[in-house]
Structure formats: structure tokens, C-alpha cells
Amino acid sequence: EIITLARNTLLAGMLEPLQGRLHWLFRQIDDPESLLAEHERLHEAIATGDPEVAASRALEHVRTYRDIALRILFGDSDNGADGADGADGADPPAESPAS
């Protein structure tokens, strides 16, 4: 919703074809409360009107969840685990053909 509220049509257009996979990844997260808290911090930063703080929090969010997504998809190479806690082992949904 932040992308929609920001009217960032470029990013919205890039993410639209990935929605199915993103929803699958979100369902694999074993601590949704932390994701909600991070989104709230990002929203607060945007609401303050300080673009530097908002950009910093957005970058932090992307980096954090990039790392989580990689662990879910490919396992945690640091400890040899096959995937992150909470992953159900199901494959992510295939991309739907572009309309």
C-alpha cells in the first residue's frame, strides 16, 4: 500500500507481476508481528515528511526482507538449514502470464 499511496507507478509496475510470489513469501515469515512493526516504522518515517529518514528506513526494510527471502528460498547457508523457520516447503506459485 505504501507504493500505491506514494504513487510510485514505476515500482508498482515492476512488482505487479511478482504479487503471487510475494504473497507466498509473506506467508512463510514466522514473525509477522516484526514485519508489521517494520511497516509501521516506515509509515511513520514517510509521515514525518523527512525524505532522508524515509529513504533510510525503506532501504533497511528492503535489505532485511531480501535476506529473509533468500533464506526462505535457498536455506540458511550459515547453519546448513534447508529453509527458514515457518517455511512449509511448498514451492512458490508460478508467475501468471502477462495480459
PDB file of N, CA and C in Angstrom:
ATOM      1  N   GLU A   1       0.807  -1.191   0.000  1.00  0.00           N
ATOM      2  CA  GLU A   1       0.000   0.000   0.000  1.00  0.00           C
ATOM      3  C   GLU A   1       0.851   1.255   0.000  1.00  0.00           C
ATOM      4  N   ILE A   2       2.038   1.179   0.596  1.00  0.00           N
ATOM      5  CA  ILE A   2       2.915   2.350   0.606  1.00  0.00           C
ATOM      6  C   ILE A   2       3.256   2.753  -0.822  1.00  0.00           C
ATOM      7  N   ILE A   3       3.494   1.775  -1.671  1.00  0.00           N
ATOM      8  CA  ILE A   3       3.823   2.072  -3.072  1.00  0.00           C
ATOM      9  C   ILE A   3       2.643   2.756  -3.749  1.00  0.00           C
ATOM     10  N   THR A   4       1.437   2.272  -3.482  1.00  0.00           N
ATOM     11  CA  THR A   4       0.235   2.875  -4.057  1.00  0.00           C
ATOM     12  C   THR A   4       0.046   4.290  -3.538  1.00  0.00           C
ATOM     13  N   LEU A   5       0.165   4.463  -2.211  1.00  0.00           N
ATOM     14  CA  LEU A   5      -0.007   5.790  -1.621  1.00  0.00           C
ATOM     15  C   LEU A   5       1.049   6.769  -2.114  1.00  0.00           C
ATOM     16  N   ALA A   6       2.251   6.265  -2.389  1.00  0.00           N
ATOM     17  CA  ALA A   6       3.327   7.122  -2.878  1.00  0.00           C
ATOM     18  C   ALA A   6       3.171   7.441  -4.364  1.00  0.00           C
ATOM     19  N   ARG A   7       2.230   6.758  -4.996  1.00  0.00           N
ATOM     20  CA  ARG A   7       2.003   6.930  -6.435  1.00  0.00           C
ATOM     21  C   ARG A   7       3.271   6.640  -7.236  1.00  0.00           C
ATOM     22  N   ASN A   8       4.001   5.633  -6.781  1.00  0.00           N
ATOM     23  CA  ASN A   8       5.221   5.227  -7.470  1.00  0.00           C
ATOM     24  C   ASN A   8       4.841   4.214  -8.547  1.00  0.00           C
ATOM     25  N   THR A   9       4.463   4.720  -9.713  1.00  0.00           N
ATOM     26  CA  THR A   9       3.977   3.841 -10.773  1.00  0.00           C
ATOM     27  C   THR A   9       5.070   2.936 -11.325  1.00  0.00           C
ATOM     28  N   LEU A  10       6.309   3.390 -11.321  1.00  0.00           N
ATOM     29  CA  LEU A  10       7.406   2.553 -11.802  1.00  0.00           C
ATOM     30  C   LEU A  10       7.562   1.316 -10.920  1.00  0.00           C
ATOM     31  N   LEU A  11       7.669   1.525  -9.610  1.00  0.00           N
ATOM     32  CA  LEU A  11       7.830   0.395  -8.698  1.00  0.00           C
ATOM     33  C   LEU A  11       6.581  -0.479  -8.684  1.00  0.00           C
ATOM     34  N   ALA A  12       5.414   0.138  -8.708  1.00  0.00           N
ATOM     35  CA  ALA A  12       4.164  -0.633  -8.737  1.00  0.00           C
ATOM     36  C   ALA A  12       4.119  -1.520  -9.975  1.00  0.00           C
ATOM     37  N   GLY A  13       4.526  -0.991 -11.100  1.00  0.00           N
ATOM     38  CA  GLY A  13       4.549  -1.769 -12.337  1.00  0.00           C
ATOM     39  C   GLY A  13       5.558  -2.901 -12.303  1.00  0.00           C
ATOM     40  N   MET A  14       6.678  -2.681 -11.630  1.00  0.00           N
ATOM     41  CA  MET A  14       7.699  -3.728 -11.516  1.00  0.00           C
ATOM     42  C   MET A  14       7.242  -4.851 -10.588  1.00  0.00           C
ATOM     43  N   LEU A  15       6.522  -4.504  -9.532  1.00  0.00           N
ATOM     44  CA  LEU A  15       6.113  -5.501  -8.542  1.00  0.00           C
ATOM     45  C   LEU A  15       4.831  -6.237  -8.916  1.00  0.00           C
ATOM     46  N   GLU A  16       3.995  -5.645  -9.752  1.00  0.00           N
ATOM     47  CA  GLU A  16       2.698  -6.243 -10.080  1.00  0.00           C
ATOM     48  C   GLU A  16       2.823  -7.682 -10.583  1.00  0.00           C
ATOM     49  N   PRO A  17       3.733  -7.996 -11.505  1.00  0.00           N
ATOM     50  CA  PRO A  17       3.836  -9.380 -11.967  1.00  0.00           C
ATOM     51  C   PRO A  17       4.360 -10.346 -10.893  1.00  0.00           C
ATOM     52  N   LEU A  18       4.928  -9.810  -9.829  1.00  0.00           N
ATOM     53  CA  LEU A  18       5.510 -10.648  -8.775  1.00  0.00           C
ATOM     54  C   LEU A  18       4.572 -10.858  -7.593  1.00  0.00           C
ATOM     55  N   GLN A  19       3.364 -10.322  -7.642  1.00  0.00           N
ATOM     56  CA  GLN A  19       2.476 -10.353  -6.483  1.00  0.00           C
ATOM     57  C   GLN A  19       2.240 -11.758  -5.939  1.00  0.00           C
ATOM     58  N   GLY A  20       2.030 -12.741  -6.797  1.00  0.00           N
ATOM     59  CA  GLY A  20       1.800 -14.108  -6.326  1.00  0.00           C
ATOM     60  C   GLY A  20       2.973 -14.637  -5.520  1.00  0.00           C
ATOM     61  N   ARG A  21       4.172 -14.421  -6.010  1.00  0.00           N
ATOM     62  CA  ARG A  21       5.368 -14.888  -5.295  1.00  0.00           C
ATOM     63  C   ARG A  21       5.584 -14.113  -4.000  1.00  0.00           C
ATOM     64  N   LEU A  22       5.310 -12.816  -4.033  1.00  0.00           N
ATOM     65  CA  LEU A  22       5.465 -12.018  -2.812  1.00  0.00           C
ATOM     66  C   LEU A  22       4.481 -12.467  -1.737  1.00  0.00           C
ATOM     67  N   HIS A  23       3.248 -12.742  -2.130  1.00  0.00           N
ATOM     68  CA  HIS A  23       2.263 -13.228  -1.153  1.00  0.00           C
ATOM     69  C   HIS A  23       2.706 -14.566  -0.570  1.00  0.00           C
ATOM     70  N   TRP A  24       3.255 -15.434  -1.412  1.00  0.00           N
ATOM     71  CA  TRP A  24       3.762 -16.726  -0.932  1.00  0.00           C
ATOM     72  C   TRP A  24       4.890 -16.501   0.081  1.00  0.00           C
ATOM     73  N   LEU A  25       5.822 -15.611  -0.249  1.00  0.00           N
ATOM     74  CA  LEU A  25       6.935 -15.327   0.666  1.00  0.00           C
ATOM     75  C   LEU A  25       6.431 -14.775   1.990  1.00  0.00           C
ATOM     76  N   PHE A  26       5.470 -13.861   1.946  1.00  0.00           N
ATOM     77  CA  PHE A  26       4.942 -13.282   3.187  1.00  0.00           C
ATOM     78  C   PHE A  26       4.336 -14.356   4.077  1.00  0.00           C
ATOM     79  N   ARG A  27       3.703 -15.358   3.466  1.00  0.00           N
ATOM     80  CA  ARG A  27       3.106 -16.433   4.263  1.00  0.00           C
ATOM     81  C   ARG A  27       4.161 -17.321   4.914  1.00  0.00           C
ATOM     82  N   GLN A  28       5.399 -17.261   4.447  1.00  0.00           N
ATOM     83  CA  GLN A  28       6.464 -18.083   5.007  1.00  0.00           C
ATOM     84  C   GLN A  28       7.130 -17.429   6.221  1.00  0.00           C
ATOM     85  N   ILE A  29       6.902 -16.154   6.426  1.00  0.00           N
ATOM     86  CA  ILE A  29       7.544 -15.417   7.517  1.00  0.00           C
ATOM     87  C   ILE A  29       6.990 -15.900   8.844  1.00  0.00           C
ATOM     88  N   ASP A  30       7.896 -16.308   9.736  1.00  0.00           N
ATOM     89  CA  ASP A  30       7.459 -16.880  11.013  1.00  0.00           C
ATOM     90  C   ASP A  30       7.200 -15.830  12.087  1.00  0.00           C
ATOM     91  N   ASP A  31       7.467 -14.561  11.798  1.00  0.00           N
ATOM     92  CA  ASP A  31       7.228 -13.500  12.774  1.00  0.00           C
ATOM     93  C   ASP A  31       6.542 -12.318  12.086  1.00  0.00           C
ATOM     94  N   PRO A  32       5.255 -12.475  11.741  1.00  0.00           N
ATOM     95  CA  PRO A  32       4.577 -11.390  11.026  1.00  0.00           C
ATOM     96  C   PRO A  32       4.473 -10.104  11.839  1.00  0.00           C
ATOM     97  N   GLU A  33       4.534 -10.219  13.173  1.00  0.00           N
ATOM     98  CA  GLU A  33       4.470  -9.013  14.002  1.00  0.00           C
ATOM     99  C   GLU A  33       5.669  -8.102  13.743  1.00  0.00           C
ATOM    100  N   SER A  34       6.840  -8.694  13.516  1.00  0.00           N
ATOM    101  CA  SER A  34       8.018  -7.868  13.234  1.00  0.00           C
ATOM    102  C   SER A  34       7.890  -7.183  11.879  1.00  0.00           C
ATOM    103  N   LEU A  35       7.278  -7.866  10.921  1.00  0.00           N
ATOM    104  CA  LEU A  35       7.042  -7.253   9.617  1.00  0.00           C
ATOM    105  C   LEU A  35       6.080  -6.076   9.754  1.00  0.00           C
ATOM    106  N   LEU A  36       5.020  -6.262  10.530  1.00  0.00           N
ATOM    107  CA  LEU A  36       4.066  -5.179  10.767  1.00  0.00           C
ATOM    108  C   LEU A  36       4.748  -3.998  11.457  1.00  0.00           C
ATOM    109  N   ALA A  37       5.569  -4.279  12.468  1.00  0.00           N
ATOM    110  CA  ALA A  37       6.275  -3.208  13.180  1.00  0.00           C
ATOM    111  C   ALA A  37       7.206  -2.450  12.236  1.00  0.00           C
ATOM    112  N   GLU A  38       7.875  -3.176  11.352  1.00  0.00           N
ATOM    113  CA  GLU A  38       8.773  -2.513  10.409  1.00  0.00           C
ATOM    114  C   GLU A  38       7.984  -1.642   9.432  1.00  0.00           C
ATOM    115  N   HIS A  39       6.838  -2.126   8.979  1.00  0.00           N
ATOM    116  CA  HIS A  39       5.995  -1.319   8.098  1.00  0.00           C
ATOM    117  C   HIS A  39       5.481  -0.080   8.822  1.00  0.00           C
ATOM    118  N   GLU A  40       5.157  -0.223  10.107  1.00  0.00           N
ATOM    119  CA  GLU A  40       4.709   0.945  10.882  1.00  0.00           C
ATOM    120  C   GLU A  40       5.827   1.974  11.014  1.00  0.00           C
ATOM    121  N   ARG A  41       7.070   1.522  11.253  1.00  0.00           N
ATOM    122  CA  ARG A  41       8.208   2.452  11.326  1.00  0.00           C
ATOM    123  C   ARG A  41       8.418   3.157   9.989  1.00  0.00           C
ATOM    124  N   LEU A  42       8.261   2.413   8.906  1.00  0.00           N
ATOM    125  CA  LEU A  42       8.410   3.003   7.581  1.00  0.00           C
ATOM    126  C   LEU A  42       7.302   4.034   7.334  1.00  0.00           C
ATOM    127  N   HIS A  43       6.078   3.689   7.699  1.00  0.00           N
ATOM    128  CA  HIS A  43       4.961   4.627   7.547  1.00  0.00           C
ATOM    129  C   HIS A  43       5.209   5.899   8.354  1.00  0.00           C
ATOM    130  N   GLU A  44       5.666   5.754   9.601  1.00  0.00           N
ATOM    131  CA  GLU A  44       5.952   6.919  10.445  1.00  0.00           C
ATOM    132  C   GLU A  44       7.016   7.801   9.811  1.00  0.00           C
ATOM    133  N   ALA A  45       8.047   7.184   9.239  1.00  0.00           N
ATOM    134  CA  ALA A  45       9.112   7.961   8.603  1.00  0.00           C
ATOM    135  C   ALA A  45       8.582   8.731   7.405  1.00  0.00           C
ATOM    136  N   ILE A  46       7.717   8.102   6.632  1.00  0.00           N
ATOM    137  CA  ILE A  46       7.129   8.786   5.478  1.00  0.00           C
ATOM    138  C   ILE A  46       6.234   9.930   5.948  1.00  0.00           C
ATOM    139  N   ALA A  47       5.447   9.672   6.998  1.00  0.00           N
ATOM    140  CA  ALA A  47       4.501  10.676   7.505  1.00  0.00           C
ATOM    141  C   ALA A  47       5.200  11.911   8.055  1.00  0.00           C
ATOM    142  N   THR A  48       6.444  11.775   8.526  1.00  0.00           N
ATOM    143  CA  THR A  48       7.160  12.940   9.050  1.00  0.00           C
ATOM    144  C   THR A  48       7.536  13.916   7.945  1.00  0.00           C
ATOM    145  N   GLY A  49       7.578  13.425   6.717  1.00  0.00           N
ATOM    146  CA  GLY A  49       7.941  14.286   5.603  1.00  0.00           C
ATOM    147  C   GLY A  49       9.435  14.441   5.416  1.00  0.00           C
ATOM    148  N   ASP A  50      10.228  13.682   6.153  1.00  0.00           N
ATOM    149  CA  ASP A  50      11.688  13.743   6.025  1.00  0.00           C
ATOM    150  C   ASP A  50      12.127  12.670   5.030  1.00  0.00           C
ATOM    151  N   PRO A  51      12.466  13.073   3.802  1.00  0.00           N
ATOM    152  CA  PRO A  51      12.797  12.080   2.782  1.00  0.00           C
ATOM    153  C   PRO A  51      14.040  11.256   3.107  1.00  0.00           C
ATOM    154  N   GLU A  52      14.997  11.825   3.828  1.00  0.00           N
ATOM    155  CA  GLU A  52      16.207  11.071   4.161  1.00  0.00           C
ATOM    156  C   GLU A  52      15.904   9.947   5.147  1.00  0.00           C
ATOM    157  N   VAL A  53      15.098  10.231   6.159  1.00  0.00           N
ATOM    158  CA  VAL A  53      14.720   9.201   7.131  1.00  0.00           C
ATOM    159  C   VAL A  53      13.877   8.135   6.439  1.00  0.00           C
ATOM    160  N   ALA A  54      12.921   8.564   5.619  1.00  0.00           N
ATOM    161  CA  ALA A  54      12.062   7.610   4.913  1.00  0.00           C
ATOM    162  C   ALA A  54      12.887   6.723   3.985  1.00  0.00           C
ATOM    163  N   ALA A  55      13.815   7.316   3.259  1.00  0.00           N
ATOM    164  CA  ALA A  55      14.656   6.532   2.352  1.00  0.00           C
ATOM    165  C   ALA A  55      15.524   5.548   3.123  1.00  0.00           C
ATOM    166  N   SER A  56      16.068   5.988   4.243  1.00  0.00           N
ATOM    167  CA  SER A  56      16.903   5.112   5.065  1.00  0.00           C
ATOM    168  C   SER A  56      16.108   3.916   5.583  1.00  0.00           C
ATOM    169  N   ARG A  57      14.909   4.172   6.086  1.00  0.00           N
ATOM    170  CA  ARG A  57      14.075   3.070   6.603  1.00  0.00           C
ATOM    171  C   ARG A  57      13.612   2.154   5.476  1.00  0.00           C
ATOM    172  N   ALA A  58      13.312   2.718   4.318  1.00  0.00           N
ATOM    173  CA  ALA A  58      12.896   1.890   3.182  1.00  0.00           C
ATOM    174  C   ALA A  58      14.035   0.974   2.752  1.00  0.00           C
ATOM    175  N   LEU A  59      15.245   1.521   2.687  1.00  0.00           N
ATOM    176  CA  LEU A  59      16.402   0.714   2.307  1.00  0.00           C
ATOM    177  C   LEU A  59      16.669  -0.378   3.339  1.00  0.00           C
ATOM    178  N   GLU A  60      16.568  -0.034   4.609  1.00  0.00           N
ATOM    179  CA  GLU A  60      16.745  -1.017   5.682  1.00  0.00           C
ATOM    180  C   GLU A  60      15.711  -2.144   5.546  1.00  0.00           C
ATOM    181  N   HIS A  61      14.468  -1.773   5.271  1.00  0.00           N
ATOM    182  CA  HIS A  61      13.393  -2.756   5.109  1.00  0.00           C
ATOM    183  C   HIS A  61      13.685  -3.696   3.936  1.00  0.00           C
ATOM    184  N   VAL A  62      14.064  -3.131   2.804  1.00  0.00           N
ATOM    185  CA  VAL A  62      14.341  -3.945   1.621  1.00  0.00           C
ATOM    186  C   VAL A  62      15.503  -4.896   1.887  1.00  0.00           C
ATOM    187  N   ARG A  63      16.555  -4.406   2.512  1.00  0.00           N
ATOM    188  CA  ARG A  63      17.712  -5.270   2.804  1.00  0.00           C
ATOM    189  C   ARG A  63      17.351  -6.386   3.778  1.00  0.00           C
ATOM    190  N   THR A  64      16.611  -6.056   4.827  1.00  0.00           N
ATOM    191  CA  THR A  64      16.221  -7.059   5.821  1.00  0.00           C
ATOM    192  C   THR A  64      15.399  -8.158   5.178  1.00  0.00           C
ATOM    193  N   TYR A  65      14.375  -7.782   4.430  1.00  0.00           N
ATOM    194  CA  TYR A  65      13.482  -8.790   3.868  1.00  0.00           C
ATOM    195  C   TYR A  65      14.050  -9.448   2.625  1.00  0.00           C
ATOM    196  N   ARG A  66      15.035  -8.840   1.985  1.00  0.00           N
ATOM    197  CA  ARG A  66      15.769  -9.537   0.928  1.00  0.00           C
ATOM    198  C   ARG A  66      16.509 -10.711   1.542  1.00  0.00           C
ATOM    199  N   ASP A  67      17.182 -10.471   2.663  1.00  0.00           N
ATOM    200  CA  ASP A  67      17.929 -11.537   3.328  1.00  0.00           C
ATOM    201  C   ASP A  67      17.002 -12.645   3.814  1.00  0.00           C
ATOM    202  N   ILE A  68      15.859 -12.275   4.369  1.00  0.00           N
ATOM    203  CA  ILE A  68      14.887 -13.274   4.828  1.00  0.00           C
ATOM    204  C   ILE A  68      14.370 -14.086   3.642  1.00  0.00           C
ATOM    205  N   ALA A  69      14.036 -13.414   2.542  1.00  0.00           N
ATOM    206  CA  ALA A  69      13.536 -14.115   1.356  1.00  0.00           C
ATOM    207  C   ALA A  69      14.577 -15.091   0.825  1.00  0.00           C
ATOM    208  N   LEU A  70      15.833 -14.685   0.801  1.00  0.00           N
ATOM    209  CA  LEU A  70      16.884 -15.585   0.324  1.00  0.00           C
ATOM    210  C   LEU A  70      17.021 -16.804   1.223  1.00  0.00           C
ATOM    211  N   ARG A  71      16.908 -16.616   2.542  1.00  0.00           N
ATOM    212  CA  ARG A  71      16.972 -17.764   3.457  1.00  0.00           C
ATOM    213  C   ARG A  71      15.785 -18.697   3.245  1.00  0.00           C
ATOM    214  N   ILE A  72      14.605 -18.135   3.040  1.00  0.00           N
ATOM    215  CA  ILE A  72      13.419 -18.961   2.806  1.00  0.00           C
ATOM    216  C   ILE A  72      13.572 -19.752   1.510  1.00  0.00           C
ATOM    217  N   LEU A  73      14.025 -19.102   0.468  1.00  0.00           N
ATOM    218  CA  LEU A  73      14.113 -19.739  -0.842  1.00  0.00           C
ATOM    219  C   LEU A  73      15.274 -20.712  -0.975  1.00  0.00           C
ATOM    220  N   PHE A  74      16.422 -20.383  -0.373  1.00  0.00           N
ATOM    221  CA  PHE A  74      17.624 -21.161  -0.622  1.00  0.00           C
ATOM    222  C   PHE A  74      18.238 -21.778   0.617  1.00  0.00           C
ATOM    223  N   GLY A  75      17.658 -21.545   1.780  1.00  0.00           N
ATOM    224  CA  GLY A  75      18.198 -22.102   3.005  1.00  0.00           C
ATOM    225  C   GLY A  75      19.224 -21.177   3.622  1.00  0.00           C
ATOM    226  N   ASP A  76      19.539 -21.461   4.860  1.00  0.00           N
ATOM    227  CA  ASP A  76      20.497 -20.666   5.623  1.00  0.00           C
ATOM    228  C   ASP A  76      21.847 -21.343   5.530  1.00  0.00           C
ATOM    229  N   SER A  77      22.702 -20.851   4.663  1.00  0.00           N
ATOM    230  CA  SER A  77      23.994 -21.497   4.439  1.00  0.00           C
ATOM    231  C   SER A  77      24.903 -21.413   5.653  1.00  0.00           C
ATOM    232  N   ASP A  78      24.618 -20.482   6.589  1.00  0.00           N
ATOM    233  CA  ASP A  78      25.460 -20.365   7.776  1.00  0.00           C
ATOM    234  C   ASP A  78      25.329 -21.562   8.702  1.00  0.00           C
ATOM    235  N   ASN A  79      24.102 -22.135   8.795  1.00  0.00           N
ATOM    236  CA  ASN A  79      23.942 -23.261   9.709  1.00  0.00           C
ATOM    237  C   ASN A  79      23.475 -24.527   9.017  1.00  0.00           C
ATOM    238  N   GLY A  80      23.429 -24.516   7.703  1.00  0.00           N
ATOM    239  CA  GLY A  80      23.094 -25.710   6.959  1.00  0.00           C
ATOM    240  C   GLY A  80      21.618 -26.040   6.914  1.00  0.00           C
ATOM    241  N   ALA A  81      20.764 -25.151   7.405  1.00  0.00           N
ATOM    242  CA  ALA A  81      19.328 -25.423   7.401  1.00  0.00           C
ATOM    243  C   ALA A  81      18.797 -25.395   5.979  1.00  0.00           C
ATOM    244  N   ASP A  82      17.734 -26.153   5.752  1.00  0.00           N
ATOM    245  CA  ASP A  82      17.127 -26.189   4.430  1.00  0.00           C
ATOM    246  C   ASP A  82      16.260 -24.977   4.150  1.00  0.00           C
ATOM    247  N   GLY A  83      15.804 -24.299   5.170  1.00  0.00           N
ATOM    248  CA  GLY A  83      14.950 -23.134   4.971  1.00  0.00           C
ATOM    249  C   GLY A  83      14.737 -22.430   6.289  1.00  0.00           C
ATOM    250  N   ALA A  84      14.062 -21.309   6.238  1.00  0.00           N
ATOM    251  CA  ALA A  84      13.800 -20.533   7.445  1.00  0.00           C
ATOM    252  C   ALA A  84      12.665 -21.160   8.230  1.00  0.00           C
ATOM    253  N   ASP A  85      12.645 -20.920   9.535  1.00  0.00           N
ATOM    254  CA  ASP A  85      11.532 -21.388  10.351  1.00  0.00           C
ATOM    255  C   ASP A  85      10.238 -20.844   9.784  1.00  0.00           C
ATOM    256  N   GLY A  86       9.216 -21.680   9.798  1.00  0.00           N
ATOM    257  CA  GLY A  86       7.921 -21.250   9.310  1.00  0.00           C
ATOM    258  C   GLY A  86       7.701 -21.567   7.854  1.00  0.00           C
ATOM    259  N   ALA A  87       8.735 -21.941   7.119  1.00  0.00           N
ATOM    260  CA  ALA A  87       8.548 -22.293   5.722  1.00  0.00           C
ATOM    261  C   ALA A  87       7.866 -23.648   5.648  1.00  0.00           C
ATOM    262  N   ASP A  88       6.857 -23.757   4.785  1.00  0.00           N
ATOM    263  CA  ASP A  88       6.126 -25.009   4.722  1.00  0.00           C
ATOM    264  C   ASP A  88       6.664 -25.959   3.675  1.00  0.00           C
ATOM    265  N   GLY A  89       7.730 -25.556   2.972  1.00  0.00           N
ATOM    266  CA  GLY A  89       8.338 -26.422   1.985  1.00  0.00           C
ATOM    267  C   GLY A  89       7.640 -26.397   0.639  1.00  0.00           C
ATOM    268  N   ALA A  90       6.517 -25.741   0.546  1.00  0.00           N
ATOM    269  CA  ALA A  90       5.801 -25.677  -0.720  1.00  0.00           C
ATOM    270  C   ALA A  90       6.532 -24.745  -1.668  1.00  0.00           C
ATOM    271  N   ASP A  91       6.454 -25.069  -2.935  1.00  0.00           N
ATOM    272  CA  ASP A  91       7.077 -24.222  -3.937  1.00  0.00           C
ATOM    273  C   ASP A  91       6.287 -22.937  -4.094  1.00  0.00           C
ATOM    274  N   PRO A  92       6.974 -21.830  -4.422  1.00  0.00           N
ATOM    275  CA  PRO A  92       6.245 -20.588  -4.667  1.00  0.00           C
ATOM    276  C   PRO A  92       5.384 -20.745  -5.910  1.00  0.00           C
ATOM    277  N   PRO A  93       4.307 -19.989  -6.002  1.00  0.00           N
ATOM    278  CA  PRO A  93       3.437 -20.111  -7.171  1.00  0.00           C
ATOM    279  C   PRO A  93       4.154 -19.653  -8.428  1.00  0.00           C
ATOM    280  N   ALA A  94       3.820 -20.279  -9.534  1.00  0.00           N
ATOM    281  CA  ALA A  94       4.391 -19.881 -10.818  1.00  0.00           C
ATOM    282  C   ALA A  94       3.826 -18.527 -11.202  1.00  0.00           C
ATOM    283  N   GLU A  95       4.603 -17.789 -11.947  1.00  0.00           N
ATOM    284  CA  GLU A  95       4.131 -16.493 -12.421  1.00  0.00           C
ATOM    285  C   GLU A  95       2.985 -16.707 -13.396  1.00  0.00           C
ATOM    286  N   SER A  96       1.985 -15.866 -13.302  1.00  0.00           N
ATOM    287  CA  SER A  96       0.896 -15.942 -14.267  1.00  0.00           C
ATOM    288  C   SER A  96       1.320 -15.199 -15.523  1.00  0.00           C
ATOM    289  N   PRO A  97       0.852 -15.652 -16.678  1.00  0.00           N
ATOM    290  CA  PRO A  97       1.250 -14.981 -17.926  1.00  0.00           C
ATOM    291  C   PRO A  97       0.775 -13.538 -17.943  1.00  0.00           C
ATOM    292  N   ALA A  98       1.561 -12.696 -18.559  1.00  0.00           N
ATOM    293  CA  ALA A  98       1.200 -11.277 -18.672  1.00  0.00           C
ATOM    294  C   ALA A  98      -0.012 -11.140 -19.570  1.00  0.00           C
ATOM    295  N   SER A  99      -0.865 -10.197 -19.208  1.00  0.00           N
ATOM    296  CA  SER A  99      -2.087  -9.979 -20.001  1.00  0.00           C
ATOM    297  C   SER A  99      -1.817  -9.048 -21.143  1.00  0.00           C
TER     298      SER A  99
END
